[in-house]
Amino acid sequence: MTTLAERLGYSEDARLLIINCDDLGSTRAANVAIYQSLREGLATSATLMVPCPWARDAAAEYRGEDVGVHLTLNSEWENYRWGPITRSPSLLDGDGGFPRTLADLWDHADLDEVRKECRAQIERAIYWGFDVSHLDSHMGSVQLRPEFFDVYLEMATEFALPLRMGGAAGEAQVGFPYRRLAAEEGIVFSDHFLYTRVGSRGDIERMLSNMRPGVTEIYFHPAVETDELRASHPDWSGRVRDHDALCSNDAFRRLVDDSGATLIGFKELREVQRAG
């Protein structure tokens, strides 16, 4: 069986690394840091939160970078909210934004409204001029429950886009074989996926020192330090550390270099998927 690395034009034992930046569009602080990470740092892709107030700013700054859509159905920050871009009452909580928790979303969301909202977010990103490279899911909202995963898979098929996909351990936790289901539909996704806590260097250092052959995705939440960020997010300092790791931390850059990994983005996976 041909490996994903071989389909991408590399050897079977190649180590390929995608470094994604989540939450583009969430704040101006995130936009500045993410574009710097893509243009000057180690990041190879990012994902846009279309419903967020700073998404239009992200679109105005876009220069063709590898950007996907971070399908967003939750608004978990305490004092800074966002909501659906479609008329979808089941996707609102009592504050008028998306539900704060996955449990609230999963208990009350109408799947037709979920489908409508996800499609609208992708279409709006395309309308704004983004060459959408892939899809992932904010807080795992459309990946971690079977009925929501059906929508996730439908969007990937409809728009011919690869997906972020959790690893085999995640399948065991949620109780359904999402990797097999996606593969059966011809959807491309990384071989390995590392969940990292915001600002956590230790997890990433361990992964880089033990990287397996194939395509691995890791992700960060970079942001520059601003009054806005400090006021809006309790873990703002971790996001600033993520920005430092990607843009100005020589020790982290050496770790990536020493791992022997080749940096790639999701556009390469998209082209493999579309080639069939």
C-alpha atoms as a PDB file:
ATOM      1  CA  MET A   1       0.000   0.000   0.000  1.00  0.00           C
ATOM      2  CA  THR A   2       1.372   3.401  -1.007  1.00  0.00           C
ATOM      3  CA  THR A   3       1.998   5.661   1.976  1.00  0.00           C
ATOM      4  CA  LEU A   4       0.923   9.294   2.136  1.00  0.00           C
ATOM      5  CA  ALA A   5       4.586  10.319   2.097  1.00  0.00           C
ATOM      6  CA  GLU A   6       5.075   8.426  -1.169  1.00  0.00           C
ATOM      7  CA  ARG A   7       1.942   9.989  -2.663  1.00  0.00           C
ATOM      8  CA  LEU A   8       3.468  13.359  -1.808  1.00  0.00           C
ATOM      9  CA  GLY A   9       6.650  12.439  -3.684  1.00  0.00           C
ATOM     10  CA  TYR A  10       8.855  11.494  -0.726  1.00  0.00           C
ATOM     11  CA  SER A  11      10.355   8.211   0.410  1.00  0.00           C
ATOM     12  CA  GLU A  12       8.345   5.800   2.528  1.00  0.00           C
ATOM     13  CA  ASP A  13      10.422   6.589   5.625  1.00  0.00           C
ATOM     14  CA  ALA A  14      10.376  10.386   5.203  1.00  0.00           C
ATOM     15  CA  ARG A  15       9.410  12.485   8.203  1.00  0.00           C
ATOM     16  CA  LEU A  16       7.101  15.297   7.109  1.00  0.00           C
ATOM     17  CA  LEU A  17       5.844  17.965   9.500  1.00  0.00           C
ATOM     18  CA  ILE A  18       2.884  20.350   9.258  1.00  0.00           C
ATOM     19  CA  ILE A  19       2.970  23.203  11.789  1.00  0.00           C
ATOM     20  CA  ASN A  20      -0.489  24.761  11.859  1.00  0.00           C
ATOM     21  CA  CYS A  21      -1.568  27.982  13.571  1.00  0.00           C
ATOM     22  CA  ASP A  22      -5.114  27.848  14.916  1.00  0.00           C
ATOM     23  CA  ASP A  23      -7.462  30.781  15.552  1.00  0.00           C
ATOM     24  CA  LEU A  24      -6.593  33.171  12.722  1.00  0.00           C
ATOM     25  CA  GLY A  25      -9.257  35.880  12.818  1.00  0.00           C
ATOM     26  CA  SER A  26      -9.968  35.541  16.529  1.00  0.00           C
ATOM     27  CA  THR A  27      -8.108  38.737  17.489  1.00  0.00           C
ATOM     28  CA  ARG A  28      -5.838  41.295  15.900  1.00  0.00           C
ATOM     29  CA  ALA A  29      -3.090  39.915  18.161  1.00  0.00           C
ATOM     30  CA  ALA A  30      -3.544  36.467  16.612  1.00  0.00           C
ATOM     31  CA  ASN A  31      -3.603  37.818  13.059  1.00  0.00           C
ATOM     32  CA  VAL A  32      -0.306  39.667  13.471  1.00  0.00           C
ATOM     33  CA  ALA A  33       1.432  36.695  15.088  1.00  0.00           C
ATOM     34  CA  ILE A  34       0.080  34.058  12.712  1.00  0.00           C
ATOM     35  CA  TYR A  35       0.989  35.884   9.530  1.00  0.00           C
ATOM     36  CA  GLN A  36       4.458  36.590  10.922  1.00  0.00           C
ATOM     37  CA  SER A  37       4.784  32.901  11.826  1.00  0.00           C
ATOM     38  CA  LEU A  38       3.822  31.913   8.274  1.00  0.00           C
ATOM     39  CA  ARG A  39       5.980  34.503   6.516  1.00  0.00           C
ATOM     40  CA  GLU A  40       9.057  34.599   8.724  1.00  0.00           C
ATOM     41  CA  GLY A  41       8.782  31.704  11.164  1.00  0.00           C
ATOM     42  CA  LEU A  42       8.314  27.961  11.183  1.00  0.00           C
ATOM     43  CA  ALA A  43       4.561  27.736  10.587  1.00  0.00           C
ATOM     44  CA  THR A  44       3.411  26.091   7.364  1.00  0.00           C
ATOM     45  CA  SER A  45      -0.368  26.555   7.563  1.00  0.00           C
ATOM     46  CA  ALA A  46      -3.140  28.226   9.551  1.00  0.00           C
ATOM     47  CA  THR A  47      -6.891  28.003  10.003  1.00  0.00           C
ATOM     48  CA  LEU A  48      -9.390  30.864   9.974  1.00  0.00           C
ATOM     49  CA  MET A  49     -12.270  31.353  12.429  1.00  0.00           C
ATOM     50  CA  VAL A  50     -14.696  32.919   9.961  1.00  0.00           C
ATOM     51  CA  PRO A  51     -17.365  34.032  12.497  1.00  0.00           C
ATOM     52  CA  CYS A  52     -14.921  35.981  14.674  1.00  0.00           C
ATOM     53  CA  PRO A  53     -14.781  39.805  14.653  1.00  0.00           C
ATOM     54  CA  TRP A  54     -11.217  39.960  13.311  1.00  0.00           C
ATOM     55  CA  ALA A  55     -11.724  37.509  10.428  1.00  0.00           C
ATOM     56  CA  ARG A  56     -12.204  40.327   7.916  1.00  0.00           C
ATOM     57  CA  ASP A  57      -8.923  41.835   9.042  1.00  0.00           C
ATOM     58  CA  ALA A  58      -7.268  38.466   8.420  1.00  0.00           C
ATOM     59  CA  ALA A  59      -8.768  38.443   4.926  1.00  0.00           C
ATOM     60  CA  ALA A  60      -7.449  41.945   4.226  1.00  0.00           C
ATOM     61  CA  GLU A  61      -3.921  40.827   5.219  1.00  0.00           C
ATOM     62  CA  TYR A  62      -3.997  37.562   3.234  1.00  0.00           C
ATOM     63  CA  ARG A  63      -1.277  37.135   0.575  1.00  0.00           C
ATOM     64  CA  GLY A  64      -1.852  33.574  -0.568  1.00  0.00           C
ATOM     65  CA  GLU A  65      -0.571  31.741   2.490  1.00  0.00           C
ATOM     66  CA  ASP A  66      -1.683  28.168   3.270  1.00  0.00           C
ATOM     67  CA  VAL A  67      -4.931  28.875   5.154  1.00  0.00           C
ATOM     68  CA  GLY A  68      -7.824  26.544   5.868  1.00  0.00           C
ATOM     69  CA  VAL A  69     -11.115  27.013   7.702  1.00  0.00           C
ATOM     70  CA  HIS A  70     -11.367  26.366  11.444  1.00  0.00           C
ATOM     71  CA  LEU A  71     -15.031  25.338  11.503  1.00  0.00           C
ATOM     72  CA  THR A  72     -16.396  27.170  14.527  1.00  0.00           C
ATOM     73  CA  LEU A  73     -19.537  26.302  16.484  1.00  0.00           C
ATOM     74  CA  ASN A  74     -18.410  27.270  19.992  1.00  0.00           C
ATOM     75  CA  SER A  75     -17.559  30.562  21.673  1.00  0.00           C
ATOM     76  CA  GLU A  76     -15.753  29.613  24.865  1.00  0.00           C
ATOM     77  CA  TRP A  77     -14.018  32.860  25.894  1.00  0.00           C
ATOM     78  CA  GLU A  78     -15.542  34.520  28.946  1.00  0.00           C
ATOM     79  CA  ASN A  79     -16.004  38.163  27.898  1.00  0.00           C
ATOM     80  CA  TYR A  80     -15.449  38.033  24.138  1.00  0.00           C
ATOM     81  CA  ARG A  81     -18.097  36.284  22.062  1.00  0.00           C
ATOM     82  CA  TRP A  82     -18.915  35.386  18.474  1.00  0.00           C
ATOM     83  CA  GLY A  83     -21.863  33.618  16.877  1.00  0.00           C
ATOM     84  CA  PRO A  84     -23.198  32.040  13.693  1.00  0.00           C
ATOM     85  CA  ILE A  85     -23.077  33.816  10.350  1.00  0.00           C
ATOM     86  CA  THR A  86     -26.317  32.089   9.328  1.00  0.00           C
ATOM     87  CA  ARG A  87     -29.782  32.270  10.849  1.00  0.00           C
ATOM     88  CA  SER A  88     -29.398  29.245  13.114  1.00  0.00           C
ATOM     89  CA  PRO A  89     -31.267  29.535  16.434  1.00  0.00           C
ATOM     90  CA  SER A  90     -30.157  26.121  17.655  1.00  0.00           C
ATOM     91  CA  LEU A  91     -26.528  27.298  17.533  1.00  0.00           C
ATOM     92  CA  LEU A  92     -27.126  30.147  19.999  1.00  0.00           C
ATOM     93  CA  ASP A  93     -26.879  30.156  23.766  1.00  0.00           C
ATOM     94  CA  GLY A  94     -28.574  32.534  26.187  1.00  0.00           C
ATOM     95  CA  ASP A  95     -25.969  35.249  25.580  1.00  0.00           C
ATOM     96  CA  GLY A  96     -26.660  35.355  21.855  1.00  0.00           C
ATOM     97  CA  GLY A  97     -23.401  33.709  20.777  1.00  0.00           C
ATOM     98  CA  PHE A  98     -22.330  30.157  20.050  1.00  0.00           C
ATOM     99  CA  PRO A  99     -22.539  27.768  23.025  1.00  0.00           C
ATOM    100  CA  ARG A 100     -19.588  27.940  25.377  1.00  0.00           C
ATOM    101  CA  THR A 101     -19.251  24.166  25.793  1.00  0.00           C
ATOM    102  CA  LEU A 102     -19.292  21.161  23.509  1.00  0.00           C
ATOM    103  CA  ALA A 103     -21.919  19.502  25.685  1.00  0.00           C
ATOM    104  CA  ASP A 104     -24.303  22.423  25.209  1.00  0.00           C
ATOM    105  CA  LEU A 105     -23.701  22.437  21.458  1.00  0.00           C
ATOM    106  CA  TRP A 106     -24.153  18.692  21.059  1.00  0.00           C
ATOM    107  CA  ASP A 107     -27.308  18.661  23.191  1.00  0.00           C
ATOM    108  CA  HIS A 108     -29.144  21.433  21.337  1.00  0.00           C
ATOM    109  CA  ALA A 109     -27.775  21.865  17.803  1.00  0.00           C
ATOM    110  CA  ASP A 110     -29.958  21.007  14.823  1.00  0.00           C
ATOM    111  CA  LEU A 111     -27.803  19.113  12.336  1.00  0.00           C
ATOM    112  CA  ASP A 112     -29.306  20.883   9.336  1.00  0.00           C
ATOM    113  CA  GLU A 113     -28.283  24.191  10.913  1.00  0.00           C
ATOM    114  CA  VAL A 114     -24.813  22.795  11.660  1.00  0.00           C
ATOM    115  CA  ARG A 115     -24.477  21.807   8.009  1.00  0.00           C
ATOM    116  CA  LYS A 116     -25.729  25.198   6.807  1.00  0.00           C
ATOM    117  CA  GLU A 117     -23.361  27.086   9.113  1.00  0.00           C
ATOM    118  CA  CYS A 118     -20.289  25.021   8.214  1.00  0.00           C
ATOM    119  CA  ARG A 119     -20.941  25.402   4.506  1.00  0.00           C
ATOM    120  CA  ALA A 120     -21.453  29.160   4.910  1.00  0.00           C
ATOM    121  CA  GLN A 121     -18.156  29.542   6.772  1.00  0.00           C
ATOM    122  CA  ILE A 122     -16.242  27.805   3.985  1.00  0.00           C
ATOM    123  CA  GLU A 123     -18.045  29.737   1.267  1.00  0.00           C
ATOM    124  CA  ARG A 124     -17.387  33.047   3.006  1.00  0.00           C
ATOM    125  CA  ALA A 125     -13.667  32.303   3.280  1.00  0.00           C
ATOM    126  CA  ILE A 126     -13.603  31.558  -0.442  1.00  0.00           C
ATOM    127  CA  TYR A 127     -15.598  34.742  -1.168  1.00  0.00           C
ATOM    128  CA  TRP A 128     -13.061  36.764   0.816  1.00  0.00           C
ATOM    129  CA  GLY A 129     -10.325  35.430  -1.466  1.00  0.00           C
ATOM    130  CA  PHE A 130      -8.791  32.618   0.564  1.00  0.00           C
ATOM    131  CA  ASP A 131      -7.456  29.645  -1.394  1.00  0.00           C
ATOM    132  CA  VAL A 132      -8.804  27.298   1.267  1.00  0.00           C
ATOM    133  CA  SER A 133      -6.339  24.481   1.871  1.00  0.00           C
ATOM    134  CA  HIS A 134      -8.089  22.274   4.443  1.00  0.00           C
ATOM    135  CA  LEU A 135     -10.653  22.035   7.212  1.00  0.00           C
ATOM    136  CA  ASP A 136     -10.351  21.539  10.921  1.00  0.00           C
ATOM    137  CA  SER A 137     -12.703  21.938  13.849  1.00  0.00           C
ATOM    138  CA  HIS A 138     -12.583  24.449  16.704  1.00  0.00           C
ATOM    139  CA  MET A 139     -12.626  22.474  19.970  1.00  0.00           C
ATOM    140  CA  GLY A 140     -13.294  19.313  17.935  1.00  0.00           C
ATOM    141  CA  SER A 141     -16.980  20.200  17.715  1.00  0.00           C
ATOM    142  CA  VAL A 142     -17.664  18.468  14.397  1.00  0.00           C
ATOM    143  CA  GLN A 143     -15.113  15.701  14.738  1.00  0.00           C
ATOM    144  CA  LEU A 144     -15.770  14.065  18.073  1.00  0.00           C
ATOM    145  CA  ARG A 145     -19.426  13.016  17.770  1.00  0.00           C
ATOM    146  CA  PRO A 146     -20.567  10.648  14.989  1.00  0.00           C
ATOM    147  CA  GLU A 147     -23.567  12.677  13.803  1.00  0.00           C
ATOM    148  CA  PHE A 148     -21.485  15.873  13.686  1.00  0.00           C
ATOM    149  CA  PHE A 149     -18.602  14.048  12.041  1.00  0.00           C
ATOM    150  CA  ASP A 150     -20.943  13.199   9.169  1.00  0.00           C
ATOM    151  CA  VAL A 151     -21.185  16.949   8.476  1.00  0.00           C
ATOM    152  CA  TYR A 152     -17.392  17.342   8.747  1.00  0.00           C
ATOM    153  CA  LEU A 153     -16.904  14.549   6.224  1.00  0.00           C
ATOM    154  CA  GLU A 154     -19.607  15.942   3.950  1.00  0.00           C
ATOM    155  CA  MET A 155     -17.879  19.343   3.816  1.00  0.00           C
ATOM    156  CA  ALA A 156     -14.511  17.745   3.050  1.00  0.00           C
ATOM    157  CA  THR A 157     -16.061  15.791   0.196  1.00  0.00           C
ATOM    158  CA  GLU A 158     -18.110  18.691  -1.164  1.00  0.00           C
ATOM    159  CA  PHE A 159     -15.168  21.105  -1.255  1.00  0.00           C
ATOM    160  CA  ALA A 160     -12.478  18.456  -1.982  1.00  0.00           C
ATOM    161  CA  LEU A 161     -10.410  19.406   1.064  1.00  0.00           C
ATOM    162  CA  PRO A 162      -8.223  17.412   3.463  1.00  0.00           C
ATOM    163  CA  LEU A 163      -9.089  17.293   7.143  1.00  0.00           C
ATOM    164  CA  ARG A 164      -7.367  17.552  10.472  1.00  0.00           C
ATOM    165  CA  MET A 165      -7.894  14.168  12.028  1.00  0.00           C
ATOM    166  CA  GLY A 166      -7.059  12.920  15.504  1.00  0.00           C
ATOM    167  CA  GLY A 167      -4.983   9.809  15.977  1.00  0.00           C
ATOM    168  CA  ALA A 168      -5.969   6.227  16.704  1.00  0.00           C
ATOM    169  CA  ALA A 169      -5.954   6.883  20.449  1.00  0.00           C
ATOM    170  CA  GLY A 170      -8.613   9.528  19.933  1.00  0.00           C
ATOM    171  CA  GLU A 171     -10.768   7.047  18.043  1.00  0.00           C
ATOM    172  CA  ALA A 172     -10.737   4.746  21.038  1.00  0.00           C
ATOM    173  CA  GLN A 173     -11.827   7.595  23.308  1.00  0.00           C
ATOM    174  CA  VAL A 174     -14.760   8.772  21.190  1.00  0.00           C
ATOM    175  CA  GLY A 175     -15.870   5.294  20.175  1.00  0.00           C
ATOM    176  CA  PHE A 176     -16.133   5.439  16.391  1.00  0.00           C
ATOM    177  CA  PRO A 177     -13.574   4.914  13.575  1.00  0.00           C
ATOM    178  CA  TYR A 178     -13.387   8.412  12.112  1.00  0.00           C
ATOM    179  CA  ARG A 179     -10.052   7.793  10.367  1.00  0.00           C
ATOM    180  CA  ARG A 180     -11.375   4.752   8.505  1.00  0.00           C
ATOM    181  CA  LEU A 181     -14.592   6.554   7.583  1.00  0.00           C
ATOM    182  CA  ALA A 182     -12.651   9.486   6.122  1.00  0.00           C
ATOM    183  CA  ALA A 183     -10.229   7.240   4.244  1.00  0.00           C
ATOM    184  CA  GLU A 184     -13.115   5.330   2.668  1.00  0.00           C
ATOM    185  CA  GLU A 185     -14.340   8.622   1.174  1.00  0.00           C
ATOM    186  CA  GLY A 186     -10.914   9.447  -0.258  1.00  0.00           C
ATOM    187  CA  ILE A 187     -10.223  12.212   2.252  1.00  0.00           C
ATOM    188  CA  VAL A 188      -6.545  12.851   2.991  1.00  0.00           C
ATOM    189  CA  PHE A 189      -5.306  13.555   6.526  1.00  0.00           C
ATOM    190  CA  SER A 190      -2.020  13.367   8.412  1.00  0.00           C
ATOM    191  CA  ASP A 191      -0.665  10.042   9.640  1.00  0.00           C
ATOM    192  CA  HIS A 192      -0.022  11.427  13.112  1.00  0.00           C
ATOM    193  CA  PHE A 193      -1.527  14.287  15.084  1.00  0.00           C
ATOM    194  CA  LEU A 194      -0.151  15.813  18.260  1.00  0.00           C
ATOM    195  CA  TYR A 195      -2.427  17.730  20.584  1.00  0.00           C
ATOM    196  CA  THR A 196      -0.419  20.292  22.523  1.00  0.00           C
ATOM    197  CA  ARG A 197      -1.432  22.578  25.337  1.00  0.00           C
ATOM    198  CA  VAL A 198      -1.172  26.280  24.542  1.00  0.00           C
ATOM    199  CA  GLY A 199       2.377  27.413  25.228  1.00  0.00           C
ATOM    200  CA  SER A 200       3.606  23.891  26.075  1.00  0.00           C
ATOM    201  CA  ARG A 201       7.134  23.317  24.823  1.00  0.00           C
ATOM    202  CA  GLY A 202       7.646  19.990  26.562  1.00  0.00           C
ATOM    203  CA  ASP A 203       5.038  18.075  24.549  1.00  0.00           C
ATOM    204  CA  ILE A 204       6.417  19.376  21.276  1.00  0.00           C
ATOM    205  CA  GLU A 205      10.046  18.734  22.179  1.00  0.00           C
ATOM    206  CA  ARG A 206       9.237  15.109  23.029  1.00  0.00           C
ATOM    207  CA  MET A 207       7.388  14.668  19.743  1.00  0.00           C
ATOM    208  CA  LEU A 208      10.205  16.166  17.686  1.00  0.00           C
ATOM    209  CA  SER A 209      12.779  13.920  19.322  1.00  0.00           C
ATOM    210  CA  ASN A 210      10.664  10.816  18.611  1.00  0.00           C
ATOM    211  CA  MET A 211       9.075  11.678  15.283  1.00  0.00           C
ATOM    212  CA  ARG A 212       7.785   8.723  13.318  1.00  0.00           C
ATOM    213  CA  PRO A 213       7.909   8.377   9.526  1.00  0.00           C
ATOM    214  CA  GLY A 214       4.953   9.851   7.681  1.00  0.00           C
ATOM    215  CA  VAL A 215       3.078  13.136   7.958  1.00  0.00           C
ATOM    216  CA  THR A 216       2.691  14.622  11.435  1.00  0.00           C
ATOM    217  CA  GLU A 217       0.589  17.678  12.270  1.00  0.00           C
ATOM    218  CA  ILE A 218       1.188  19.802  15.344  1.00  0.00           C
ATOM    219  CA  TYR A 219      -0.554  23.062  16.066  1.00  0.00           C
ATOM    220  CA  PHE A 220       0.023  26.299  17.926  1.00  0.00           C
ATOM    221  CA  HIS A 221      -2.040  29.324  18.969  1.00  0.00           C
ATOM    222  CA  PRO A 222       0.364  32.234  18.427  1.00  0.00           C
ATOM    223  CA  ALA A 223      -0.504  35.806  19.369  1.00  0.00           C
ATOM    224  CA  VAL A 224       1.419  38.984  20.095  1.00  0.00           C
ATOM    225  CA  GLU A 225       1.054  40.511  23.541  1.00  0.00           C
ATOM    226  CA  THR A 226      -1.508  43.324  23.623  1.00  0.00           C
ATOM    227  CA  ASP A 227      -3.894  44.836  26.156  1.00  0.00           C
ATOM    228  CA  GLU A 228      -6.757  43.296  24.174  1.00  0.00           C
ATOM    229  CA  LEU A 229      -5.307  39.794  24.413  1.00  0.00           C
ATOM    230  CA  ARG A 230      -4.512  40.086  28.124  1.00  0.00           C
ATOM    231  CA  ALA A 231      -8.070  41.218  28.842  1.00  0.00           C
ATOM    232  CA  SER A 232      -9.822  38.640  26.685  1.00  0.00           C
ATOM    233  CA  HIS A 233      -8.009  35.351  27.279  1.00  0.00           C
ATOM    234  CA  PRO A 234      -6.896  33.813  30.594  1.00  0.00           C
ATOM    235  CA  ASP A 235      -4.032  31.916  28.930  1.00  0.00           C
ATOM    236  CA  TRP A 236      -2.746  34.850  26.909  1.00  0.00           C
ATOM    237  CA  SER A 237       0.852  34.247  28.006  1.00  0.00           C
ATOM    238  CA  GLY A 238       0.824  30.753  26.482  1.00  0.00           C
ATOM    239  CA  ARG A 239      -0.201  32.217  23.137  1.00  0.00           C
ATOM    240  CA  VAL A 240       2.648  34.701  23.338  1.00  0.00           C
ATOM    241  CA  ARG A 241       5.052  31.812  24.058  1.00  0.00           C
ATOM    242  CA  ASP A 242       3.705  29.991  20.998  1.00  0.00           C
ATOM    243  CA  HIS A 243       4.533  33.040  18.884  1.00  0.00           C
ATOM    244  CA  ASP A 244       8.025  33.155  20.357  1.00  0.00           C
ATOM    245  CA  ALA A 245       8.586  29.459  19.596  1.00  0.00           C
ATOM    246  CA  LEU A 246       7.645  29.874  15.948  1.00  0.00           C
ATOM    247  CA  CYS A 247       9.363  33.174  15.238  1.00  0.00           C
ATOM    248  CA  SER A 248      12.259  33.944  17.551  1.00  0.00           C
ATOM    249  CA  ASN A 249      13.289  30.929  19.625  1.00  0.00           C
ATOM    250  CA  ASP A 250      16.564  29.627  18.212  1.00  0.00           C
ATOM    251  CA  ALA A 251      16.537  26.544  20.429  1.00  0.00           C
ATOM    252  CA  PHE A 252      13.149  25.474  19.107  1.00  0.00           C
ATOM    253  CA  ARG A 253      14.252  26.062  15.517  1.00  0.00           C
ATOM    254  CA  ARG A 254      17.275  23.820  16.145  1.00  0.00           C
ATOM    255  CA  LEU A 255      14.971  21.126  17.508  1.00  0.00           C
ATOM    256  CA  VAL A 256      12.963  21.185  14.299  1.00  0.00           C
ATOM    257  CA  ASP A 257      16.131  21.116  12.189  1.00  0.00           C
ATOM    258  CA  ASP A 258      17.658  18.288  14.225  1.00  0.00           C
ATOM    259  CA  SER A 259      14.494  16.181  13.937  1.00  0.00           C
ATOM    260  CA  GLY A 260      15.221  15.648  10.255  1.00  0.00           C
ATOM    261  CA  ALA A 261      11.671  16.616   9.353  1.00  0.00           C
ATOM    262  CA  THR A 262      10.726  18.287   6.097  1.00  0.00           C
ATOM    263  CA  LEU A 263       8.203  21.077   6.610  1.00  0.00           C
ATOM    264  CA  ILE A 264       5.118  20.902   4.392  1.00  0.00           C
ATOM    265  CA  GLY A 265       1.650  22.456   4.371  1.00  0.00           C
ATOM    266  CA  PHE A 266      -1.899  21.343   3.766  1.00  0.00           C
ATOM    267  CA  LYS A 267      -1.924  22.565   0.175  1.00  0.00           C
ATOM    268  CA  GLU A 268       0.302  19.611  -0.698  1.00  0.00           C
ATOM    269  CA  LEU A 269      -2.214  17.246   0.901  1.00  0.00           C
ATOM    270  CA  ARG A 270      -5.055  18.975  -0.929  1.00  0.00           C
ATOM    271  CA  GLU A 271      -3.400  18.452  -4.302  1.00  0.00           C
ATOM    272  CA  VAL A 272      -2.826  14.756  -3.572  1.00  0.00           C
ATOM    273  CA  GLN A 273      -6.474  14.351  -2.579  1.00  0.00           C
ATOM    274  CA  ARG A 274      -7.745  16.123  -5.673  1.00  0.00           C
ATOM    275  CA  ALA A 275      -5.470  14.059  -7.904  1.00  0.00           C
ATOM    276  CA  GLY A 276      -7.207  10.929  -6.583  1.00  0.00           C
END
